[in-house]
Amino acid sequence: MAEHISSKKTYIIIWITLLCFTVITAAVSRIDLGQFSGAVALIIATIKAMLVVLFFMHVKYISEKMTLVVIIAGFFWLMILLVLSMTDYASRAWT
């Protein structure tokens, strides 16, 4: 099995992007978004997790079909959990 070798430049760009998203997360946490604070934080965290999975775990470069099925199932399960969590969060009576 041949493994894909990513360039150092790709890793540095992804690392800088992750740092930027971390700064954005810290900046957004200081802004009062009301009931959308949790949703925005989860969206940013999901984007960062996706970058880590795709590039640092080399998921972007795989060709095995079964591995791809497992990865897609994992993302599908994550989306189910996020949607149900946000539904619960949005339906609470805030007094």
C-alpha atoms as a PDB file:
ATOM      1  CA  MET A   1       0.000   0.000   0.000  1.00  0.00           C
ATOM      2  CA  ALA A   2       1.524   3.294  -1.121  1.00  0.00           C
ATOM      3  CA  GLU A   3       1.141   6.128   1.311  1.00  0.00           C
ATOM      4  CA  HIS A   4       0.577   9.706   0.233  1.00  0.00           C
ATOM      5  CA  ILE A   5       3.302  12.124   1.284  1.00  0.00           C
ATOM      6  CA  SER A   6       2.072  15.649   1.940  1.00  0.00           C
ATOM      7  CA  SER A   7       4.353  18.610   1.564  1.00  0.00           C
ATOM      8  CA  LYS A   8       5.580  20.597   4.523  1.00  0.00           C
ATOM      9  CA  LYS A   9       3.854  23.656   3.054  1.00  0.00           C
ATOM     10  CA  THR A  10       0.454  21.932   3.283  1.00  0.00           C
ATOM     11  CA  TYR A  11       0.964  21.114   6.958  1.00  0.00           C
ATOM     12  CA  ILE A  12       2.061  24.662   7.742  1.00  0.00           C
ATOM     13  CA  ILE A  13      -0.962  26.146   5.945  1.00  0.00           C
ATOM     14  CA  ILE A  14      -3.356  23.844   7.800  1.00  0.00           C
ATOM     15  CA  TRP A  15      -1.617  24.606  11.105  1.00  0.00           C
ATOM     16  CA  ILE A  16      -1.928  28.372  10.510  1.00  0.00           C
ATOM     17  CA  THR A  17      -5.584  27.890   9.551  1.00  0.00           C
ATOM     18  CA  LEU A  18      -6.204  25.988  12.788  1.00  0.00           C
ATOM     19  CA  LEU A  19      -4.525  28.769  14.757  1.00  0.00           C
ATOM     20  CA  CYS A  20      -6.726  31.349  13.011  1.00  0.00           C
ATOM     21  CA  PHE A  21      -9.855  29.362  13.870  1.00  0.00           C
ATOM     22  CA  THR A  22      -8.656  29.166  17.487  1.00  0.00           C
ATOM     23  CA  VAL A  23      -8.317  32.961  17.573  1.00  0.00           C
ATOM     24  CA  ILE A  24     -11.777  33.264  15.994  1.00  0.00           C
ATOM     25  CA  THR A  25     -13.168  30.927  18.664  1.00  0.00           C
ATOM     26  CA  ALA A  26     -11.653  33.070  21.426  1.00  0.00           C
ATOM     27  CA  ALA A  27     -12.936  36.279  19.808  1.00  0.00           C
ATOM     28  CA  VAL A  28     -16.453  34.949  19.289  1.00  0.00           C
ATOM     29  CA  SER A  29     -16.592  33.730  22.896  1.00  0.00           C
ATOM     30  CA  ARG A  30     -16.340  37.352  24.040  1.00  0.00           C
ATOM     31  CA  ILE A  31     -19.286  38.433  21.881  1.00  0.00           C
ATOM     32  CA  ASP A  32     -22.793  37.924  23.239  1.00  0.00           C
ATOM     33  CA  LEU A  33     -24.603  35.970  20.535  1.00  0.00           C
ATOM     34  CA  GLY A  34     -27.448  34.938  22.791  1.00  0.00           C
ATOM     35  CA  GLN A  35     -28.796  31.498  22.006  1.00  0.00           C
ATOM     36  CA  PHE A  36     -26.499  31.126  18.988  1.00  0.00           C
ATOM     37  CA  SER A  37     -23.275  31.017  21.030  1.00  0.00           C
ATOM     38  CA  GLY A  38     -23.335  27.238  21.311  1.00  0.00           C
ATOM     39  CA  ALA A  39     -24.143  26.739  17.638  1.00  0.00           C
ATOM     40  CA  VAL A  40     -21.335  29.024  16.490  1.00  0.00           C
ATOM     41  CA  ALA A  41     -18.848  27.328  18.817  1.00  0.00           C
ATOM     42  CA  LEU A  42     -19.882  23.882  17.516  1.00  0.00           C
ATOM     43  CA  ILE A  43     -19.597  24.989  13.888  1.00  0.00           C
ATOM     44  CA  ILE A  44     -16.078  26.339  14.430  1.00  0.00           C
ATOM     45  CA  ALA A  45     -15.065  23.207  16.359  1.00  0.00           C
ATOM     46  CA  THR A  46     -16.459  20.984  13.599  1.00  0.00           C
ATOM     47  CA  ILE A  47     -14.480  22.854  10.944  1.00  0.00           C
ATOM     48  CA  LYS A  48     -11.289  22.501  12.989  1.00  0.00           C
ATOM     49  CA  ALA A  49     -11.930  18.797  13.598  1.00  0.00           C
ATOM     50  CA  MET A  50     -12.569  18.239   9.899  1.00  0.00           C
ATOM     51  CA  LEU A  51      -9.266  19.885   8.982  1.00  0.00           C
ATOM     52  CA  VAL A  52      -7.400  17.701  11.473  1.00  0.00           C
ATOM     53  CA  VAL A  53      -9.092  14.521  10.245  1.00  0.00           C
ATOM     54  CA  LEU A  54      -8.662  15.295   6.556  1.00  0.00           C
ATOM     55  CA  PHE A  55      -5.054  16.434   6.554  1.00  0.00           C
ATOM     56  CA  PHE A  56      -3.231  15.274   9.696  1.00  0.00           C
ATOM     57  CA  MET A  57      -4.937  11.858   9.721  1.00  0.00           C
ATOM     58  CA  HIS A  58      -4.552  11.560   5.913  1.00  0.00           C
ATOM     59  CA  VAL A  59      -8.220  10.801   5.331  1.00  0.00           C
ATOM     60  CA  LYS A  60      -8.251  13.061   2.279  1.00  0.00           C
ATOM     61  CA  TYR A  61      -5.848  10.766   0.466  1.00  0.00           C
ATOM     62  CA  ILE A  62      -7.287   7.323   1.166  1.00  0.00           C
ATOM     63  CA  SER A  63      -8.563   5.055  -1.554  1.00  0.00           C
ATOM     64  CA  GLU A  64      -9.844   2.055   0.390  1.00  0.00           C
ATOM     65  CA  LYS A  65     -13.609   1.893   0.019  1.00  0.00           C
ATOM     66  CA  MET A  66     -14.383   0.355   3.400  1.00  0.00           C
ATOM     67  CA  THR A  67     -12.333   2.974   5.241  1.00  0.00           C
ATOM     68  CA  LEU A  68     -14.225   5.653   3.356  1.00  0.00           C
ATOM     69  CA  VAL A  69     -17.550   4.090   4.378  1.00  0.00           C
ATOM     70  CA  VAL A  70     -16.491   4.083   8.047  1.00  0.00           C
ATOM     71  CA  ILE A  71     -15.406   7.724   7.855  1.00  0.00           C
ATOM     72  CA  ILE A  72     -18.651   8.812   6.194  1.00  0.00           C
ATOM     73  CA  ALA A  73     -20.641   6.880   8.806  1.00  0.00           C
ATOM     74  CA  GLY A  74     -18.673   8.622  11.564  1.00  0.00           C
ATOM     75  CA  PHE A  75     -19.401  12.064  10.115  1.00  0.00           C
ATOM     76  CA  PHE A  76     -23.066  11.099   9.691  1.00  0.00           C
ATOM     77  CA  TRP A  77     -23.241  10.051  13.355  1.00  0.00           C
ATOM     78  CA  LEU A  78     -21.558  13.310  14.384  1.00  0.00           C
ATOM     79  CA  MET A  79     -24.154  15.287  12.430  1.00  0.00           C
ATOM     80  CA  ILE A  80     -26.976  13.344  14.124  1.00  0.00           C
ATOM     81  CA  LEU A  81     -25.514  14.150  17.541  1.00  0.00           C
ATOM     82  CA  LEU A  82     -25.035  17.834  16.688  1.00  0.00           C
ATOM     83  CA  VAL A  83     -28.523  18.244  15.230  1.00  0.00           C
ATOM     84  CA  LEU A  84     -30.183  16.549  18.191  1.00  0.00           C
ATOM     85  CA  SER A  85     -28.101  18.584  20.647  1.00  0.00           C
ATOM     86  CA  MET A  86     -28.991  21.829  18.912  1.00  0.00           C
ATOM     87  CA  THR A  87     -32.675  20.826  18.782  1.00  0.00           C
ATOM     88  CA  ASP A  88     -32.650  20.243  22.530  1.00  0.00           C
ATOM     89  CA  TYR A  89     -30.756  23.466  23.121  1.00  0.00           C
ATOM     90  CA  ALA A  90     -33.119  25.531  20.943  1.00  0.00           C
ATOM     91  CA  SER A  91     -36.310  24.059  22.436  1.00  0.00           C
ATOM     92  CA  ARG A  92     -35.543  24.885  26.072  1.00  0.00           C
ATOM     93  CA  ALA A  93     -37.539  27.600  27.746  1.00  0.00           C
ATOM     94  CA  TRP A  94     -35.068  30.247  28.831  1.00  0.00           C
ATOM     95  CA  THR A  95     -36.561  32.298  31.639  1.00  0.00           C
END
